[in-house]
């Protein structure tokens, strides 16, 4: 479940068809949001109904989770390691209101993703291996020189008949592995 994302501060129009890596220039600022995020499992699948995205903090218990990373492999907690289903990430940061347009870009999030900015739905995406982005300008307050931005991301890693499976692994003996695609 590797995922990373960038907040793209830009004055240029960027097409969703041209999802290349953003590069800083005279007219575009790039702000990486890599680092520690608040993280929480949603074992009961209640986060969206309880509107966790609209709260200033995720409900406890939360831990810090590095992004990008695969949360299943970061901690020694067996519950987190084996978790399949919804997980939630949240992060606050500040923007200087110097650009007329802000784009939030994710490199990938496995598999189904829902993103909220300041409590507003910004983008939903399915496809664990593809980048996606959203224009978040309407959700940013511009009445000051800077804005506090609260991003909440819910990700579901459940594989279904319509999601891309990881492949087939058959172990013949402890020293030989045969890899096949389905």
Protein backbone atom coordinates (compact mmCIF):
# COMPACT_ATOMS: atom_id res chain seq x y z
CA UNK A 1 0.00 0.00 0.00
CA UNK A 2 2.61 2.43 -0.98
CA UNK A 3 1.28 5.87 -1.53
CA UNK A 4 2.61 9.29 -1.59
CA UNK A 5 1.25 12.54 -2.72
CA UNK A 6 2.13 16.11 -3.36
CA UNK A 7 0.28 19.32 -2.99
CA UNK A 8 0.77 21.25 -6.15
CA UNK A 9 0.53 25.00 -5.84
CA UNK A 10 0.19 26.26 -9.31
CA UNK A 11 -0.96 29.01 -11.57
CA UNK A 12 -0.87 26.76 -14.61
CA UNK A 13 -3.74 24.70 -15.86
CA UNK A 14 -2.90 21.02 -15.58
CA UNK A 15 -4.94 18.44 -17.43
CA UNK A 16 -5.87 15.18 -15.74
CA UNK A 17 -4.62 13.55 -18.93
CA UNK A 18 -1.07 14.76 -18.27
CA UNK A 19 -0.28 13.27 -14.89
CA UNK A 20 3.48 13.60 -15.03
CA UNK A 21 5.48 14.39 -11.92
CA UNK A 22 4.98 18.04 -11.00
CA UNK A 23 8.10 20.16 -11.20
CA UNK A 24 8.74 23.46 -9.49
CA UNK A 25 9.10 26.44 -11.80
CA UNK A 26 8.68 30.22 -11.87
CA UNK A 27 4.91 29.79 -11.93
CA UNK A 28 4.47 26.61 -9.90
CA UNK A 29 5.31 25.72 -6.32
CA UNK A 30 5.44 22.09 -5.18
CA UNK A 31 4.96 21.18 -1.53
CA UNK A 32 5.64 17.60 -0.47
CA UNK A 33 3.34 16.22 2.19
CA UNK A 34 5.56 13.20 2.80
CA UNK A 35 6.27 12.61 6.47
CA UNK A 36 4.31 11.59 9.54
CA UNK A 37 0.52 11.54 9.34
CA UNK A 38 -2.08 10.67 11.97
CA UNK A 39 -3.29 7.13 11.21
CA UNK A 40 -6.17 5.01 12.39
CA UNK A 41 -7.65 1.64 11.48
CA UNK A 42 -11.39 1.58 10.82
CA UNK A 43 -12.04 -2.02 11.82
CA UNK A 44 -15.81 -1.54 11.96
CA UNK A 45 -16.03 0.52 8.75
CA UNK A 46 -17.83 3.39 10.52
CA UNK A 47 -15.52 6.32 9.76
CA UNK A 48 -17.47 7.79 6.89
CA UNK A 49 -20.87 7.42 8.61
CA UNK A 50 -19.44 9.03 11.76
CA UNK A 51 -17.95 11.81 9.59
CA UNK A 52 -14.33 11.41 10.76
CA UNK A 53 -13.37 13.60 7.81
CA UNK A 54 -15.24 16.57 9.31
CA UNK A 55 -13.60 16.37 12.74
CA UNK A 56 -10.48 18.36 13.64
CA UNK A 57 -8.71 15.13 14.66
CA UNK A 58 -9.24 11.47 13.91
CA UNK A 59 -10.88 9.66 16.84
CA UNK A 60 -8.45 7.87 19.13
CA UNK A 61 -6.61 5.55 19.05
CA UNK A 62 -4.29 7.02 16.44
CA UNK A 63 -0.60 6.56 15.78
CA UNK A 64 1.86 8.40 13.59
CA UNK A 65 2.42 6.68 10.26
CA UNK A 66 5.12 7.61 7.74
CA UNK A 67 3.95 8.47 4.25
CA UNK A 68 4.81 7.06 1.80
CA UNK A 69 4.80 3.58 3.29
CA UNK A 70 2.90 0.34 3.48
CA UNK A 71 1.15 0.56 6.84
CA UNK A 72 0.99 -3.23 7.05
CA UNK A 73 4.78 -3.39 7.34
CA UNK A 74 5.62 -0.34 9.46
CA UNK A 75 4.71 -1.41 12.99
CA UNK A 76 5.06 -4.64 14.93
CA UNK A 77 1.35 -4.55 15.78
CA UNK A 78 -0.15 -7.75 14.35
CA UNK A 79 -3.61 -6.16 14.07
CA UNK A 80 -2.26 -3.42 11.81
CA UNK A 81 -0.10 -5.89 9.90
CA UNK A 82 -3.06 -8.14 9.05
CA UNK A 83 -5.69 -5.42 8.60
CA UNK A 84 -7.76 -5.49 5.43
CA UNK A 85 -10.34 -2.75 5.02
CA UNK A 86 -10.57 0.97 5.64
CA UNK A 87 -7.76 3.00 7.20
CA UNK A 88 -7.67 6.75 7.75
CA UNK A 89 -4.86 9.29 7.46
CA UNK A 90 -5.01 12.96 8.48
CA UNK A 91 -2.59 15.87 8.25
CA UNK A 92 -2.72 19.64 8.84
CA UNK A 93 -0.45 22.14 7.13
CA UNK A 94 -0.39 25.79 6.10
CA UNK A 95 -0.44 27.39 2.66
CA UNK A 96 0.53 30.92 1.77
CA UNK A 97 -2.22 32.31 -0.42
CA UNK A 98 0.03 33.26 -3.32
CA UNK A 99 -1.44 31.05 -6.06
CA UNK A 100 -4.87 31.17 -7.65
CA UNK A 101 -5.11 27.37 -7.87
CA UNK A 102 -4.12 24.42 -5.66
CA UNK A 103 -3.97 20.83 -6.84
CA UNK A 104 -3.59 17.87 -4.50
CA UNK A 105 -1.82 14.97 -6.23
CA UNK A 106 -1.43 11.37 -5.08
CA UNK A 107 1.13 9.07 -6.68
CA UNK A 108 -0.91 5.99 -5.74
CA UNK A 109 -3.10 4.63 -2.96
CA UNK A 110 -4.05 1.00 -2.87
CA UNK A 111 -6.95 0.47 -3.71
CA UNK A 112 -10.02 2.62 -3.14
CA UNK A 113 -9.41 6.17 -1.88
CA UNK A 114 -11.58 8.99 -0.62
CA UNK A 115 -10.08 12.41 0.09
CA UNK A 116 -11.54 15.32 2.05
CA UNK A 117 -10.07 18.81 2.34
CA UNK A 118 -11.30 20.97 5.22
CA UNK A 119 -14.32 18.66 5.59
CA UNK A 120 -15.29 18.77 1.89
CA UNK A 121 -15.12 15.78 -0.44
CA UNK A 122 -12.31 16.49 -2.90
CA UNK A 123 -11.89 13.26 -4.86
CA UNK A 124 -12.73 9.54 -4.88
CA UNK A 125 -10.47 7.15 -6.76
CA UNK A 126 -10.27 3.42 -7.46
CA UNK A 127 -7.12 1.91 -8.86
CA UNK A 128 -4.26 1.16 -6.56
CA UNK A 129 -1.43 1.70 -8.99
CA UNK A 130 -2.40 4.95 -10.68
CA UNK A 131 -1.83 8.59 -9.77
CA UNK A 132 -4.80 10.88 -9.23
CA UNK A 133 -5.36 14.50 -8.35
CA UNK A 134 -8.01 17.03 -7.39
CA UNK A 135 -8.35 20.78 -7.66
CA UNK A 136 -8.81 21.79 -4.01
CA UNK A 137 -9.01 25.54 -4.61
CA UNK A 138 -12.73 25.77 -3.66
CA UNK A 139 -11.98 24.27 -0.24
CA UNK A 140 -9.17 26.68 0.74
CA UNK A 141 -10.00 29.88 2.60
CA UNK A 142 -8.32 32.88 0.99
CA UNK A 143 -9.34 35.61 3.42
CA UNK A 144 -5.86 35.72 5.01
CA UNK A 145 -2.27 35.64 3.81
CA UNK A 146 -2.17 31.95 4.74
CA UNK A 147 -4.65 29.11 5.15
CA UNK A 148 -4.69 26.10 7.42
CA UNK A 149 -5.50 22.99 5.41
CA UNK A 150 -6.84 19.79 6.99
CA UNK A 151 -6.58 16.74 4.72
CA UNK A 152 -8.22 13.42 5.55
CA UNK A 153 -7.70 10.34 3.38
CA UNK A 154 -9.60 7.07 3.74
CA UNK A 155 -8.14 4.06 1.93
CA UNK A 156 -9.57 0.57 1.51
CA UNK A 157 -7.18 -2.21 0.50
CA UNK A 158 -9.86 -4.93 0.15
CA UNK A 159 -9.48 -6.98 -3.02
CA UNK A 160 -12.71 -7.79 -4.85
CA UNK A 161 -13.55 -9.46 -8.17
CA UNK A 162 -13.27 -6.02 -9.81
CA UNK A 163 -9.92 -4.97 -8.31
CA UNK A 164 -6.57 -5.87 -9.77
CA UNK A 165 -5.29 -8.92 -7.87
CA UNK A 166 -1.65 -9.10 -6.80
CA UNK A 167 -0.94 -12.34 -8.71
CA UNK A 168 -0.58 -15.98 -7.81
CA UNK A 169 2.17 -17.41 -5.61
CA UNK A 170 2.65 -21.13 -5.23
CA UNK A 171 5.38 -22.37 -2.88
CA UNK A 172 6.69 -25.80 -4.00
CA UNK A 173 9.32 -26.04 -1.28
CA UNK A 174 11.04 -23.57 1.05
CA UNK A 175 13.81 -22.74 -1.46
CA UNK A 176 11.85 -22.47 -4.73
CA UNK A 177 8.94 -20.19 -5.58
CA UNK A 178 6.99 -20.08 -8.80
CA UNK A 179 5.33 -16.78 -9.64
CA UNK A 180 2.41 -16.63 -12.02
CA UNK A 181 -0.08 -14.03 -13.08
CA UNK A 182 -3.74 -15.02 -12.82
